[in-house]
Amino acid sequence: QVQLVESGGGVVQAGRSLRLSCAAPERTFRYSAMGWFRQAPGKEREFVTALHWNGDNTYYSDSVKGRFTISRDNAKNTVYLQMNSLQPEDTDVYYCNAGMILRPTIKAGPYWGQGTLITVSS
């Protein structure tokens, strides 16, 4: 089992931005589709965004499209989530995920980060 290491969570005012980072072991990161999920208390974990191993073919949930941007730096074995125009509804624990399946449908991979809390105050 591989634990991905997340950083960048915190408390922000509505309308402001945060950037999350997720570092993975090289052998896990290489050729791995990466993404982010989020989960609120008492709710199921939901898909947020993902991208292909080479950085193309990005995917976003409708709730974050136009506000969040996923990217990756293969030289650093790191995936990023730039979160702009944050809203109170974005308050969740965010989980990095590796080894995702993107086609024909999006499915979570077996490797997860520890989870980082994003709290957006109104």
N, C-alpha and C. Protein backbone atom coordinates (compact mmCIF):
# COMPACT_ATOMS: atom_id res chain seq x y z
N GLN A 1 0.84 -1.18 0.00
CA GLN A 1 0.00 0.00 0.00
C GLN A 1 0.88 1.24 0.00
N VAL A 2 0.44 2.27 -0.72
CA VAL A 2 1.18 3.52 -0.85
C VAL A 2 0.33 4.65 -0.32
N GLN A 3 0.92 5.47 0.53
CA GLN A 3 0.25 6.65 1.04
C GLN A 3 0.78 7.89 0.32
N LEU A 4 -0.11 8.61 -0.32
CA LEU A 4 0.25 9.87 -0.94
C LEU A 4 0.23 10.97 0.12
N VAL A 5 1.12 11.95 -0.01
CA VAL A 5 1.27 12.98 1.00
C VAL A 5 0.70 14.28 0.47
N GLU A 6 -0.35 14.77 1.14
CA GLU A 6 -1.02 15.99 0.75
C GLU A 6 -0.57 17.16 1.62
N SER A 7 -0.65 18.35 1.07
CA SER A 7 -0.37 19.57 1.81
C SER A 7 -1.13 20.72 1.18
N GLY A 8 -1.30 21.80 1.95
CA GLY A 8 -1.91 23.02 1.43
C GLY A 8 -3.30 23.32 1.93
N GLY A 9 -3.86 22.49 2.78
CA GLY A 9 -5.19 22.74 3.30
C GLY A 9 -5.20 23.87 4.31
N GLY A 10 -6.40 24.35 4.62
CA GLY A 10 -6.52 25.41 5.59
C GLY A 10 -7.89 26.05 5.58
N VAL A 11 -7.98 27.20 6.23
CA VAL A 11 -9.21 27.97 6.35
C VAL A 11 -9.07 29.25 5.54
N VAL A 12 -10.06 29.53 4.69
CA VAL A 12 -10.03 30.72 3.86
C VAL A 12 -11.41 31.37 3.82
N GLN A 13 -11.42 32.63 3.50
CA GLN A 13 -12.67 33.35 3.27
C GLN A 13 -13.23 33.01 1.90
N ALA A 14 -14.54 33.04 1.78
CA ALA A 14 -15.18 32.81 0.50
C ALA A 14 -14.65 33.78 -0.54
N GLY A 15 -14.42 33.25 -1.74
CA GLY A 15 -13.91 34.05 -2.84
C GLY A 15 -12.40 34.01 -2.99
N ARG A 16 -11.70 33.50 -2.00
CA ARG A 16 -10.25 33.43 -2.07
C ARG A 16 -9.80 32.08 -2.60
N SER A 17 -8.49 31.88 -2.64
CA SER A 17 -7.92 30.72 -3.31
C SER A 17 -6.99 29.94 -2.40
N LEU A 18 -6.84 28.67 -2.72
CA LEU A 18 -5.88 27.78 -2.10
C LEU A 18 -5.30 26.87 -3.16
N ARG A 19 -4.12 26.34 -2.88
CA ARG A 19 -3.53 25.34 -3.75
C ARG A 19 -3.14 24.12 -2.93
N LEU A 20 -3.61 22.97 -3.35
CA LEU A 20 -3.25 21.71 -2.73
C LEU A 20 -2.15 21.03 -3.53
N SER A 21 -1.29 20.33 -2.83
CA SER A 21 -0.24 19.54 -3.46
C SER A 21 -0.34 18.11 -2.98
N CYS A 22 0.07 17.19 -3.83
CA CYS A 22 0.06 15.78 -3.50
C CYS A 22 1.29 15.13 -4.09
N ALA A 23 2.16 14.64 -3.24
CA ALA A 23 3.39 13.99 -3.67
C ALA A 23 3.25 12.47 -3.57
N ALA A 24 3.75 11.78 -4.58
CA ALA A 24 3.65 10.34 -4.65
C ALA A 24 5.00 9.71 -4.90
N PRO A 25 5.21 8.47 -4.48
CA PRO A 25 6.43 7.76 -4.86
C PRO A 25 6.54 7.68 -6.37
N GLU A 26 7.76 7.76 -6.87
CA GLU A 26 7.97 7.79 -8.31
C GLU A 26 7.34 6.60 -9.01
N ARG A 27 7.49 5.42 -8.44
CA ARG A 27 6.97 4.24 -9.11
C ARG A 27 5.45 4.20 -9.10
N THR A 28 4.82 4.94 -8.20
CA THR A 28 3.37 5.07 -8.20
C THR A 28 2.91 6.17 -9.14
N PHE A 29 3.67 7.26 -9.19
CA PHE A 29 3.31 8.41 -9.99
C PHE A 29 3.48 8.16 -11.49
N ARG A 30 4.53 7.44 -11.85
CA ARG A 30 4.86 7.23 -13.25
C ARG A 30 3.70 6.54 -13.98
N TYR A 31 3.28 7.13 -15.08
CA TYR A 31 2.22 6.60 -15.94
C TYR A 31 0.91 6.42 -15.20
N SER A 32 0.72 7.15 -14.13
CA SER A 32 -0.47 7.03 -13.32
C SER A 32 -1.40 8.23 -13.53
N ALA A 33 -2.65 7.95 -13.84
CA ALA A 33 -3.66 9.00 -13.84
C ALA A 33 -3.93 9.42 -12.39
N MET A 34 -3.92 10.71 -12.15
CA MET A 34 -4.06 11.26 -10.81
C MET A 34 -5.33 12.09 -10.71
N GLY A 35 -5.81 12.26 -9.50
CA GLY A 35 -6.99 13.08 -9.32
C GLY A 35 -7.26 13.41 -7.87
N TRP A 36 -8.38 14.08 -7.68
CA TRP A 36 -8.81 14.51 -6.36
C TRP A 36 -10.27 14.16 -6.15
N PHE A 37 -10.58 13.72 -4.95
CA PHE A 37 -11.94 13.50 -4.49
C PHE A 37 -12.15 14.34 -3.23
N ARG A 38 -13.41 14.52 -2.84
CA ARG A 38 -13.69 15.22 -1.60
C ARG A 38 -14.87 14.56 -0.90
N GLN A 39 -14.93 14.76 0.41
CA GLN A 39 -15.93 14.09 1.21
C GLN A 39 -16.34 14.98 2.38
N ALA A 40 -17.63 15.19 2.52
CA ALA A 40 -18.20 15.92 3.64
C ALA A 40 -18.69 14.93 4.69
N PRO A 41 -18.80 15.37 5.94
CA PRO A 41 -19.27 14.46 6.99
C PRO A 41 -20.63 13.85 6.66
N GLY A 42 -20.72 12.54 6.79
CA GLY A 42 -21.97 11.85 6.54
C GLY A 42 -22.32 11.64 5.08
N LYS A 43 -21.44 12.02 4.17
CA LYS A 43 -21.70 11.88 2.75
C LYS A 43 -20.65 10.98 2.11
N GLU A 44 -20.98 10.48 0.93
CA GLU A 44 -20.06 9.64 0.19
C GLU A 44 -18.97 10.49 -0.46
N ARG A 45 -17.81 9.88 -0.63
CA ARG A 45 -16.73 10.56 -1.32
C ARG A 45 -17.10 10.79 -2.78
N GLU A 46 -16.85 12.01 -3.26
CA GLU A 46 -17.24 12.35 -4.61
C GLU A 46 -16.05 12.80 -5.44
N PHE A 47 -16.14 12.54 -6.73
CA PHE A 47 -15.10 12.91 -7.66
C PHE A 47 -15.06 14.41 -7.85
N VAL A 48 -13.84 14.97 -7.91
CA VAL A 48 -13.65 16.39 -8.15
C VAL A 48 -12.98 16.62 -9.51
N THR A 49 -11.82 16.02 -9.70
CA THR A 49 -11.06 16.26 -10.92
C THR A 49 -10.00 15.18 -11.10
N ALA A 50 -9.55 15.02 -12.34
CA ALA A 50 -8.50 14.05 -12.65
C ALA A 50 -7.82 14.45 -13.95
N LEU A 51 -6.64 13.88 -14.19
CA LEU A 51 -5.93 14.10 -15.44
C LEU A 51 -5.09 12.90 -15.80
N HIS A 52 -4.84 12.76 -17.09
CA HIS A 52 -4.04 11.69 -17.63
C HIS A 52 -2.60 11.79 -17.15
N TRP A 53 -1.86 10.71 -17.28
CA TRP A 53 -0.49 10.68 -16.76
C TRP A 53 0.41 11.72 -17.41
N ASN A 54 0.16 12.06 -18.68
CA ASN A 54 0.99 13.03 -19.36
C ASN A 54 0.42 14.45 -19.31
N GLY A 55 -0.64 14.65 -18.54
CA GLY A 55 -1.19 15.97 -18.32
C GLY A 55 -2.32 16.39 -19.24
N ASP A 56 -2.63 15.60 -20.25
CA ASP A 56 -3.74 15.93 -21.11
C ASP A 56 -5.00 15.24 -20.62
N ASN A 57 -6.10 15.48 -21.32
CA ASN A 57 -7.38 14.84 -21.00
C ASN A 57 -7.78 15.05 -19.55
N THR A 58 -7.94 16.31 -19.16
CA THR A 58 -8.40 16.63 -17.82
C THR A 58 -9.91 16.46 -17.71
N TYR A 59 -10.35 16.18 -16.49
CA TYR A 59 -11.76 15.97 -16.20
C TYR A 59 -12.12 16.77 -14.95
N TYR A 60 -13.33 17.35 -14.93
CA TYR A 60 -13.80 18.12 -13.79
C TYR A 60 -15.27 17.82 -13.53
N SER A 61 -15.64 17.80 -12.27
CA SER A 61 -17.05 17.75 -11.93
C SER A 61 -17.68 19.10 -12.25
N ASP A 62 -18.98 19.08 -12.50
CA ASP A 62 -19.66 20.32 -12.87
C ASP A 62 -19.57 21.38 -11.77
N SER A 63 -19.50 20.96 -10.53
CA SER A 63 -19.51 21.90 -9.42
C SER A 63 -18.23 22.71 -9.31
N VAL A 64 -17.12 22.23 -9.88
CA VAL A 64 -15.85 22.94 -9.77
C VAL A 64 -15.32 23.43 -11.11
N LYS A 65 -15.94 23.04 -12.20
CA LYS A 65 -15.46 23.43 -13.52
C LYS A 65 -15.44 24.95 -13.64
N GLY A 66 -14.32 25.48 -14.12
CA GLY A 66 -14.15 26.92 -14.24
C GLY A 66 -13.55 27.58 -13.03
N ARG A 67 -13.50 26.89 -11.90
CA ARG A 67 -12.93 27.43 -10.67
C ARG A 67 -11.68 26.68 -10.23
N PHE A 68 -11.66 25.37 -10.42
CA PHE A 68 -10.52 24.54 -10.01
C PHE A 68 -9.72 24.14 -11.24
N THR A 69 -8.42 23.99 -11.05
CA THR A 69 -7.53 23.54 -12.11
C THR A 69 -6.58 22.49 -11.57
N ILE A 70 -6.54 21.34 -12.23
CA ILE A 70 -5.61 20.29 -11.85
C ILE A 70 -4.41 20.33 -12.79
N SER A 71 -3.24 20.06 -12.25
CA SER A 71 -2.02 20.00 -13.04
C SER A 71 -1.05 19.04 -12.37
N ARG A 72 -0.01 18.68 -13.09
CA ARG A 72 0.98 17.78 -12.51
C ARG A 72 2.37 18.14 -13.02
N ASP A 73 3.35 17.88 -12.19
CA ASP A 73 4.74 18.06 -12.52
C ASP A 73 5.39 16.70 -12.41
N ASN A 74 5.59 16.06 -13.54
CA ASN A 74 6.11 14.69 -13.53
C ASN A 74 7.55 14.62 -13.03
N ALA A 75 8.30 15.71 -13.17
CA ALA A 75 9.66 15.74 -12.65
C ALA A 75 9.69 15.74 -11.13
N LYS A 76 8.63 16.24 -10.50
CA LYS A 76 8.55 16.30 -9.05
C LYS A 76 7.62 15.26 -8.46
N ASN A 77 7.03 14.43 -9.30
CA ASN A 77 6.09 13.40 -8.84
C ASN A 77 4.98 14.02 -7.99
N THR A 78 4.45 15.13 -8.45
CA THR A 78 3.49 15.90 -7.68
C THR A 78 2.32 16.34 -8.55
N VAL A 79 1.12 16.25 -7.99
CA VAL A 79 -0.07 16.76 -8.63
C VAL A 79 -0.60 17.91 -7.79
N TYR A 80 -1.18 18.91 -8.45
CA TYR A 80 -1.66 20.11 -7.79
C TYR A 80 -3.14 20.32 -8.07
N LEU A 81 -3.78 20.98 -7.13
CA LEU A 81 -5.16 21.42 -7.32
C LEU A 81 -5.23 22.89 -6.95
N GLN A 82 -5.36 23.74 -7.96
CA GLN A 82 -5.56 25.17 -7.73
C GLN A 82 -7.04 25.42 -7.58
N MET A 83 -7.43 25.97 -6.44
CA MET A 83 -8.82 26.17 -6.09
C MET A 83 -9.09 27.67 -5.99
N ASN A 84 -9.80 28.21 -6.96
CA ASN A 84 -10.13 29.63 -6.99
C ASN A 84 -11.61 29.83 -6.71
N SER A 85 -11.95 31.06 -6.33
CA SER A 85 -13.34 31.44 -6.05
C SER A 85 -14.01 30.43 -5.13
N LEU A 86 -13.34 30.11 -4.05
CA LEU A 86 -13.86 29.09 -3.14
C LEU A 86 -15.17 29.54 -2.50
N GLN A 87 -16.06 28.59 -2.33
CA GLN A 87 -17.37 28.82 -1.76
C GLN A 87 -17.54 27.97 -0.51
N PRO A 88 -18.45 28.36 0.39
CA PRO A 88 -18.67 27.53 1.58
C PRO A 88 -19.02 26.09 1.25
N GLU A 89 -19.67 25.85 0.12
CA GLU A 89 -20.03 24.51 -0.30
C GLU A 89 -18.81 23.66 -0.64
N ASP A 90 -17.65 24.29 -0.82
CA ASP A 90 -16.42 23.55 -1.09
C ASP A 90 -15.78 23.01 0.19
N THR A 91 -16.33 23.32 1.34
CA THR A 91 -15.79 22.85 2.61
C THR A 91 -15.91 21.32 2.68
N ASP A 92 -14.78 20.67 2.64
CA ASP A 92 -14.72 19.21 2.62
C ASP A 92 -13.31 18.77 2.98
N VAL A 93 -13.17 17.48 3.22
CA VAL A 93 -11.86 16.86 3.27
C VAL A 93 -11.52 16.41 1.86
N TYR A 94 -10.37 16.83 1.37
CA TYR A 94 -9.95 16.53 0.01
C TYR A 94 -8.89 15.43 0.02
N TYR A 95 -9.07 14.46 -0.87
CA TYR A 95 -8.19 13.30 -0.95
C TYR A 95 -7.55 13.21 -2.32
N CYS A 96 -6.25 13.10 -2.34
CA CYS A 96 -5.53 12.81 -3.57
C CYS A 96 -5.63 11.33 -3.88
N ASN A 97 -5.65 10.99 -5.16
CA ASN A 97 -5.83 9.61 -5.58
C ASN A 97 -4.92 9.30 -6.76
N ALA A 98 -4.32 8.13 -6.75
CA ALA A 98 -3.43 7.70 -7.82
C ALA A 98 -3.86 6.36 -8.37
N GLY A 99 -3.49 6.12 -9.62
CA GLY A 99 -3.85 4.89 -10.28
C GLY A 99 -5.29 4.86 -10.77
N MET A 100 -5.82 6.02 -11.15
CA MET A 100 -7.21 6.11 -11.55
C MET A 100 -7.44 5.52 -12.94
N ILE A 101 -8.67 5.11 -13.17
CA ILE A 101 -9.15 4.73 -14.48
C ILE A 101 -10.01 5.88 -15.00
N LEU A 102 -9.71 6.37 -16.20
CA LEU A 102 -10.41 7.52 -16.73
C LEU A 102 -11.38 7.18 -17.86
N ARG A 103 -11.17 6.08 -18.54
CA ARG A 103 -12.05 5.66 -19.62
C ARG A 103 -12.31 4.17 -19.53
N PRO A 104 -13.51 3.73 -19.88
CA PRO A 104 -14.65 4.49 -20.39
C PRO A 104 -15.38 5.30 -19.34
N THR A 105 -15.17 4.99 -18.06
CA THR A 105 -15.74 5.77 -16.98
C THR A 105 -14.64 6.09 -15.97
N ILE A 106 -14.87 7.09 -15.15
CA ILE A 106 -13.90 7.51 -14.15
C ILE A 106 -14.07 6.68 -12.90
N LYS A 107 -12.99 6.06 -12.47
CA LYS A 107 -12.98 5.25 -11.27
C LYS A 107 -11.77 5.58 -10.43
N ALA A 108 -11.93 5.52 -9.12
CA ALA A 108 -10.84 5.79 -8.20
C ALA A 108 -9.78 4.71 -8.30
N GLY A 109 -8.52 5.11 -8.10
CA GLY A 109 -7.43 4.17 -8.02
C GLY A 109 -7.20 3.69 -6.61
N PRO A 110 -6.26 2.78 -6.43
CA PRO A 110 -6.05 2.15 -5.12
C PRO A 110 -5.23 2.96 -4.12
N TYR A 111 -4.61 4.05 -4.55
CA TYR A 111 -3.70 4.80 -3.69
C TYR A 111 -4.31 6.14 -3.31
N TRP A 112 -4.30 6.44 -2.00
CA TRP A 112 -4.95 7.63 -1.47
C TRP A 112 -4.02 8.46 -0.60
N GLY A 113 -4.24 9.76 -0.62
CA GLY A 113 -3.62 10.63 0.35
C GLY A 113 -4.33 10.55 1.69
N GLN A 114 -3.75 11.21 2.69
CA GLN A 114 -4.30 11.13 4.04
C GLN A 114 -5.54 11.98 4.24
N GLY A 115 -5.82 12.86 3.31
CA GLY A 115 -6.93 13.78 3.42
C GLY A 115 -6.51 15.09 4.05
N THR A 116 -6.94 16.19 3.47
CA THR A 116 -6.65 17.51 4.02
C THR A 116 -7.94 18.33 4.04
N LEU A 117 -8.18 19.02 5.14
CA LEU A 117 -9.43 19.74 5.33
C LEU A 117 -9.35 21.14 4.73
N ILE A 118 -10.33 21.45 3.89
CA ILE A 118 -10.53 22.79 3.37
C ILE A 118 -11.79 23.36 3.99
N THR A 119 -11.65 24.47 4.69
CA THR A 119 -12.79 25.14 5.31
C THR A 119 -12.93 26.52 4.71
N VAL A 120 -14.08 26.79 4.13
CA VAL A 120 -14.36 28.07 3.48
C VAL A 120 -15.44 28.78 4.28
N SER A 121 -15.11 29.91 4.85
CA SER A 121 -16.05 30.67 5.67
C SER A 121 -16.77 31.70 4.82
N SER A 122 -18.03 31.93 5.13
CA SER A 122 -18.83 32.89 4.40
C SER A 122 -18.67 34.29 4.95
